[in-house]
Amino acid sequence: MSCNKGEAAQSDKEKNSEGTEAMVLESVMFAILAERELGPKLYGIFPQGRLEQYVPSRKLDTNELGIPVTSAEIAQKMARFHGMRMPFNKEPKWLFGTMDKYLNQVLRLTFTRESHVRMFSQIMSFNLPQEMETLRSLLESTPSPVVFCHNDCQEGEYLLHVVHAICVQFFFFFSAFSQLQLSEKQLKTLHFICSYLSEYDSGFENLSGEDQVKLKEAMLVEVNRFALASHYFWGLWSVIQARISAIEFGYMEYAEARFEAYFEQKRRLGV
């Protein structure tokens, strides 16, 4: 009994230590973002939080993400984030470390609701451990720098300054790509990538058209492969939420949709 208590106490100490470390790192991160004008001004930090500048803003909706001028600005801001030198661990451990933890939790879960049992059984038939190893091997073979990033970029995470309005007449043009062969979605993706590369790589616009195309194609490969990780990650997360969350949301349905998207993406990529 005393041994168990000792182990529990040690576990609590480790959790408290990890929590303190995470809080310190978060405070450092927000201070740097404020200093570099990539976040709200930081007025103060205290044990349970921080005091930041209020920025009048609203969330973007899904359709707004595809507006060329908005897409370009998001790409440029993302490139600035990715180009930041931050005093954090640069080893790429977080993604698969977190997914390994999530997968171990998922493999131990049980459900009682009939609809959940059915969907969970379908998800487990995908052989998730094997898919994890296949994904790990694919991404390890994909050139991709370790950068400082947000990890949850979607419309609800983008805030539009309410006094910041831009009206631009925009025409799609991509040298060496035939627009007749590209869908509207592909054109928007290329527009985002061009805006990103122009900000991230100061020499991009001075490259030849052929070299620019090579960089765009390489980034498309990188993005599409890592999209698999997004589907897999949020699929696992949503299965866990279906078991533990008190929020009324179709977590299991969402998990099923993400894993279906994962396999559809694999099919399109031929991997």
Protein backbone atom coordinates (compact mmCIF):
# COMPACT_ATOMS: atom_id res chain seq x y z
CA MET A 1 0.00 0.00 0.00
CA SER A 2 2.79 2.43 0.91
CA CYS A 3 4.54 1.59 -2.38
CA ASN A 4 1.42 2.53 -4.32
CA LYS A 5 1.10 5.78 -2.40
CA GLY A 6 4.73 6.56 -3.15
CA GLU A 7 4.25 5.93 -6.85
CA ALA A 8 1.11 8.08 -6.87
CA ALA A 9 2.94 10.90 -5.06
CA GLN A 10 5.82 10.69 -7.53
CA SER A 11 3.37 10.77 -10.43
CA ASP A 12 1.67 13.87 -8.97
CA LYS A 13 5.06 15.59 -8.59
CA GLU A 14 5.93 14.82 -12.20
CA LYS A 15 2.59 16.18 -13.40
CA ASN A 16 3.02 19.35 -11.33
CA SER A 17 6.55 19.78 -12.67
CA GLU A 18 5.38 19.34 -16.26
CA GLY A 19 2.54 21.79 -15.67
CA THR A 20 4.90 24.41 -14.24
CA GLU A 21 7.34 23.97 -17.12
CA ALA A 22 4.53 24.29 -19.67
CA MET A 23 3.28 27.48 -17.99
CA VAL A 24 6.77 29.03 -18.06
CA LEU A 25 7.29 28.12 -21.72
CA GLU A 26 3.88 29.53 -22.61
CA SER A 27 4.68 32.81 -20.85
CA VAL A 28 8.00 33.05 -22.70
CA MET A 29 6.27 32.30 -26.00
CA PHE A 30 3.60 34.98 -25.58
CA ALA A 31 6.18 37.53 -24.47
CA ILE A 32 8.22 36.91 -27.64
CA LEU A 33 5.14 37.02 -29.88
CA ALA A 34 4.11 40.34 -28.34
CA GLU A 35 7.61 41.77 -28.75
CA ARG A 36 7.68 40.81 -32.44
CA GLU A 37 4.14 42.11 -33.01
CA LEU A 38 2.81 38.68 -33.92
CA GLY A 39 0.43 38.65 -30.99
CA PRO A 40 -1.39 41.06 -28.66
CA LYS A 41 0.65 43.28 -26.38
CA LEU A 42 1.51 41.54 -23.12
CA TYR A 43 0.95 43.73 -20.06
CA GLY A 44 1.73 41.29 -17.31
CA ILE A 45 2.05 37.69 -16.15
CA PHE A 46 0.78 36.26 -12.87
CA PRO A 47 0.63 32.69 -11.43
CA GLN A 48 -2.74 31.77 -12.95
CA GLY A 49 -2.60 33.64 -16.23
CA ARG A 50 -1.55 36.79 -18.08
CA LEU A 51 -2.94 40.22 -18.96
CA GLU A 52 -3.01 40.98 -22.69
CA GLN A 53 -4.13 43.75 -25.00
CA TYR A 54 -7.75 43.56 -26.14
CA VAL A 55 -7.98 43.51 -29.93
CA PRO A 56 -11.48 44.19 -31.38
CA SER A 57 -11.94 41.28 -33.75
CA ARG A 58 -14.17 38.51 -34.99
CA LYS A 59 -13.61 34.93 -36.10
CA LEU A 60 -13.39 34.12 -39.78
CA ASP A 61 -15.83 31.69 -41.32
CA THR A 62 -14.87 28.85 -43.67
CA ASN A 63 -15.73 30.68 -46.89
CA GLU A 64 -13.60 33.67 -45.92
CA LEU A 65 -10.47 31.52 -45.80
CA GLY A 66 -10.64 31.19 -49.58
CA ILE A 67 -10.76 34.94 -50.29
CA PRO A 68 -7.43 35.59 -52.06
CA VAL A 69 -6.35 38.62 -50.02
CA THR A 70 -7.28 36.89 -46.75
CA SER A 71 -5.57 33.66 -47.77
CA ALA A 72 -2.41 35.55 -48.72
CA GLU A 73 -2.29 37.39 -45.40
CA ILE A 74 -2.76 34.16 -43.43
CA ALA A 75 0.01 32.52 -45.47
CA GLN A 76 2.37 35.42 -44.82
CA LYS A 77 1.66 35.45 -41.08
CA MET A 78 2.10 31.67 -40.94
CA ALA A 79 5.44 31.96 -42.76
CA ARG A 80 6.60 34.55 -40.22
CA PHE A 81 5.67 32.20 -37.39
CA HIS A 82 7.49 29.31 -39.03
CA GLY A 83 10.58 31.46 -39.56
CA MET A 84 10.87 32.51 -35.91
CA ARG A 85 13.83 31.34 -33.84
CA MET A 86 12.39 30.27 -30.50
CA PRO A 87 14.18 29.06 -27.34
CA PHE A 88 12.37 25.70 -27.35
CA ASN A 89 13.29 22.08 -28.03
CA LYS A 90 13.80 21.64 -31.78
CA GLU A 91 13.51 17.85 -31.80
CA PRO A 92 10.37 16.73 -33.69
CA LYS A 93 8.91 14.67 -30.84
CA TRP A 94 5.53 16.25 -30.24
CA LEU A 95 3.46 14.91 -33.14
CA PHE A 96 4.15 11.20 -32.85
CA GLY A 97 4.71 11.40 -29.10
CA THR A 98 1.16 12.72 -28.73
CA MET A 99 -0.32 10.31 -31.28
CA ASP A 100 1.37 7.34 -29.59
CA LYS A 101 -0.21 8.43 -26.31
CA TYR A 102 -3.62 8.89 -27.93
CA LEU A 103 -3.43 5.53 -29.71
CA ASN A 104 -2.62 3.71 -26.47
CA GLN A 105 -5.67 5.34 -24.88
CA VAL A 106 -7.92 4.46 -27.83
CA LEU A 107 -6.85 0.81 -27.77
CA ARG A 108 -8.02 0.55 -24.15
CA LEU A 109 -11.41 2.22 -24.64
CA THR A 110 -14.81 0.55 -24.47
CA PHE A 111 -18.25 1.95 -25.32
CA THR A 112 -21.78 0.99 -24.33
CA ARG A 113 -23.97 3.16 -26.59
CA GLU A 114 -24.96 1.04 -29.59
CA SER A 115 -24.10 3.65 -32.21
CA HIS A 116 -20.72 4.26 -30.59
CA VAL A 117 -19.98 0.54 -30.39
CA ARG A 118 -20.73 0.17 -34.11
CA MET A 119 -18.63 3.14 -35.20
CA PHE A 120 -15.79 2.27 -32.81
CA SER A 121 -15.71 -1.26 -34.20
CA GLN A 122 -15.48 0.16 -37.73
CA ILE A 123 -12.63 2.47 -36.72
CA MET A 124 -10.73 -0.33 -34.99
CA SER A 125 -11.01 -2.47 -38.14
CA PHE A 126 -8.64 0.01 -39.82
CA ASN A 127 -5.67 -1.53 -37.93
CA LEU A 128 -4.65 1.78 -36.41
CA PRO A 129 -1.28 0.59 -34.99
CA GLN A 130 -0.14 -0.52 -38.45
CA GLU A 131 -1.38 2.73 -39.98
CA MET A 132 0.60 4.66 -37.37
CA GLU A 133 3.82 2.92 -38.40
CA THR A 134 3.09 3.41 -42.09
CA LEU A 135 2.45 7.11 -41.47
CA ARG A 136 5.58 7.45 -39.34
CA SER A 137 7.72 5.89 -42.07
CA LEU A 138 6.18 8.12 -44.76
CA LEU A 139 6.67 11.37 -42.85
CA GLU A 140 10.21 10.49 -41.75
CA SER A 141 11.08 10.14 -45.44
CA THR A 142 9.47 13.51 -46.28
CA PRO A 143 11.78 16.55 -46.19
CA SER A 144 10.21 18.97 -43.72
CA PRO A 145 11.91 21.46 -41.38
CA VAL A 146 11.10 21.64 -37.68
CA VAL A 147 9.46 25.03 -37.14
CA PHE A 148 7.54 26.98 -34.52
CA CYS A 149 3.89 26.47 -35.42
CA HIS A 150 0.32 26.73 -34.17
CA ASN A 151 -0.81 23.08 -34.70
CA ASP A 152 -4.53 23.89 -34.88
CA CYS A 153 -5.11 26.29 -37.76
CA GLN A 154 -8.75 26.45 -38.77
CA GLU A 155 -11.26 29.23 -39.27
CA GLY A 156 -12.19 29.56 -35.60
CA GLU A 157 -8.55 30.25 -34.71
CA TYR A 158 -8.18 33.22 -37.07
CA LEU A 159 -9.30 36.64 -35.85
CA LEU A 160 -9.99 39.50 -38.24
CA HIS A 161 -9.32 42.97 -36.86
CA VAL A 162 -12.66 44.78 -37.19
CA VAL A 163 -11.06 48.01 -38.45
CA HIS A 164 -8.79 46.19 -40.88
CA ALA A 165 -10.61 45.94 -44.21
CA ILE A 166 -8.95 45.43 -47.58
CA CYS A 167 -10.48 45.54 -51.04
CA VAL A 168 -8.24 44.22 -53.78
CA GLN A 169 -9.00 43.28 -57.37
CA PHE A 170 -7.17 39.97 -57.74
CA PHE A 171 -6.43 37.79 -60.74
CA PHE A 172 -5.07 34.26 -60.41
CA PHE A 173 -1.85 33.74 -62.34
CA PHE A 174 0.73 31.00 -61.85
CA SER A 175 3.56 30.74 -64.35
CA ALA A 176 4.25 27.21 -65.61
CA PHE A 177 0.88 25.94 -64.34
CA SER A 178 -1.97 25.60 -66.82
CA GLN A 179 -5.09 27.05 -65.20
CA LEU A 180 -7.23 24.97 -67.53
CA GLN A 181 -5.92 21.86 -65.79
CA LEU A 182 -6.38 23.12 -62.23
CA SER A 183 -9.54 23.21 -60.14
CA GLU A 184 -10.55 26.28 -58.16
CA LYS A 185 -9.40 24.54 -54.97
CA GLN A 186 -5.99 23.80 -56.49
CA LEU A 187 -5.63 27.40 -57.63
CA LYS A 188 -6.41 28.63 -54.11
CA THR A 189 -3.87 26.18 -52.68
CA LEU A 190 -1.18 27.40 -55.07
CA HIS A 191 -2.03 31.02 -54.24
CA PHE A 192 -1.55 30.24 -50.55
CA ILE A 193 1.74 28.42 -51.21
CA CYS A 194 3.10 31.25 -53.38
CA SER A 195 2.25 33.81 -50.68
CA TYR A 196 3.84 31.60 -48.03
CA LEU A 197 7.06 30.97 -49.97
CA SER A 198 7.44 34.64 -50.89
CA GLU A 199 7.40 35.54 -47.18
CA TYR A 200 9.33 32.53 -45.85
CA ASP A 201 12.13 32.56 -48.45
CA SER A 202 13.43 36.03 -49.28
CA GLY A 203 15.04 34.72 -52.45
CA PHE A 204 11.95 32.95 -53.80
CA GLU A 205 10.80 35.70 -56.16
CA ASN A 206 14.29 35.95 -57.69
CA LEU A 207 14.32 32.28 -58.69
CA SER A 208 13.66 31.16 -62.23
CA GLY A 209 10.13 30.06 -63.08
CA GLU A 210 11.31 26.45 -63.22
CA ASP A 211 12.90 26.59 -59.77
CA GLN A 212 9.81 28.26 -58.31
CA VAL A 213 7.66 25.45 -59.70
CA LYS A 214 9.97 22.86 -58.12
CA LEU A 215 9.60 24.52 -54.72
CA LYS A 216 5.82 24.73 -55.07
CA GLU A 217 5.60 21.07 -56.06
CA ALA A 218 7.83 20.03 -53.15
CA MET A 219 5.62 21.96 -50.73
CA LEU A 220 2.49 20.39 -52.21
CA VAL A 221 3.97 16.94 -51.55
CA GLU A 222 4.91 17.93 -48.00
CA VAL A 223 1.52 19.46 -47.23
CA ASN A 224 -0.49 16.58 -48.69
CA ARG A 225 1.52 13.97 -46.82
CA PHE A 226 1.24 15.81 -43.52
CA ALA A 227 -2.50 16.20 -44.11
CA LEU A 228 -2.60 12.46 -43.39
CA ALA A 229 -1.18 13.17 -39.94
CA SER A 230 -3.88 15.79 -39.35
CA HIS A 231 -6.66 13.33 -40.18
CA TYR A 232 -5.10 10.57 -38.08
CA PHE A 233 -4.35 12.85 -35.11
CA TRP A 234 -7.81 14.40 -34.88
CA GLY A 235 -9.43 11.03 -35.53
CA LEU A 236 -7.74 9.58 -32.44
CA TRP A 237 -8.46 12.70 -30.39
CA SER A 238 -12.15 12.61 -31.30
CA VAL A 239 -12.53 8.94 -30.34
CA ILE A 240 -11.15 9.79 -26.89
CA GLN A 241 -13.48 12.78 -26.59
CA ALA A 242 -16.45 10.56 -27.47
CA ARG A 243 -15.62 8.59 -24.32
CA ILE A 244 -14.72 11.35 -21.85
CA SER A 245 -16.28 14.64 -22.98
CA ALA A 246 -19.50 15.97 -21.45
CA ILE A 247 -20.03 18.27 -24.45
CA GLU A 248 -22.90 17.33 -26.73
CA PHE A 249 -21.12 16.83 -30.02
CA GLY A 250 -20.86 13.97 -32.51
CA TYR A 251 -17.28 13.11 -31.64
CA MET A 252 -17.51 9.53 -32.88
CA GLU A 253 -19.06 10.63 -36.16
CA TYR A 254 -16.30 13.20 -36.51
CA ALA A 255 -13.65 10.57 -35.80
CA GLU A 256 -15.14 8.29 -38.43
CA ALA A 257 -15.17 11.16 -40.95
CA ARG A 258 -11.52 11.99 -40.26
CA PHE A 259 -10.37 8.39 -40.71
CA GLU A 260 -12.38 8.11 -43.92
CA ALA A 261 -10.66 11.30 -45.12
CA TYR A 262 -7.32 9.79 -44.10
CA PHE A 263 -7.80 6.74 -46.31
CA GLU A 264 -9.18 8.83 -49.17
CA GLN A 265 -6.09 11.05 -48.95
CA LYS A 266 -3.87 7.95 -49.01
CA ARG A 267 -5.66 6.73 -52.11
CA ARG A 268 -5.19 10.06 -53.89
CA LEU A 269 -1.50 10.15 -53.00
CA GLY A 270 -0.95 6.52 -53.95
CA VAL A 271 0.84 5.68 -50.69
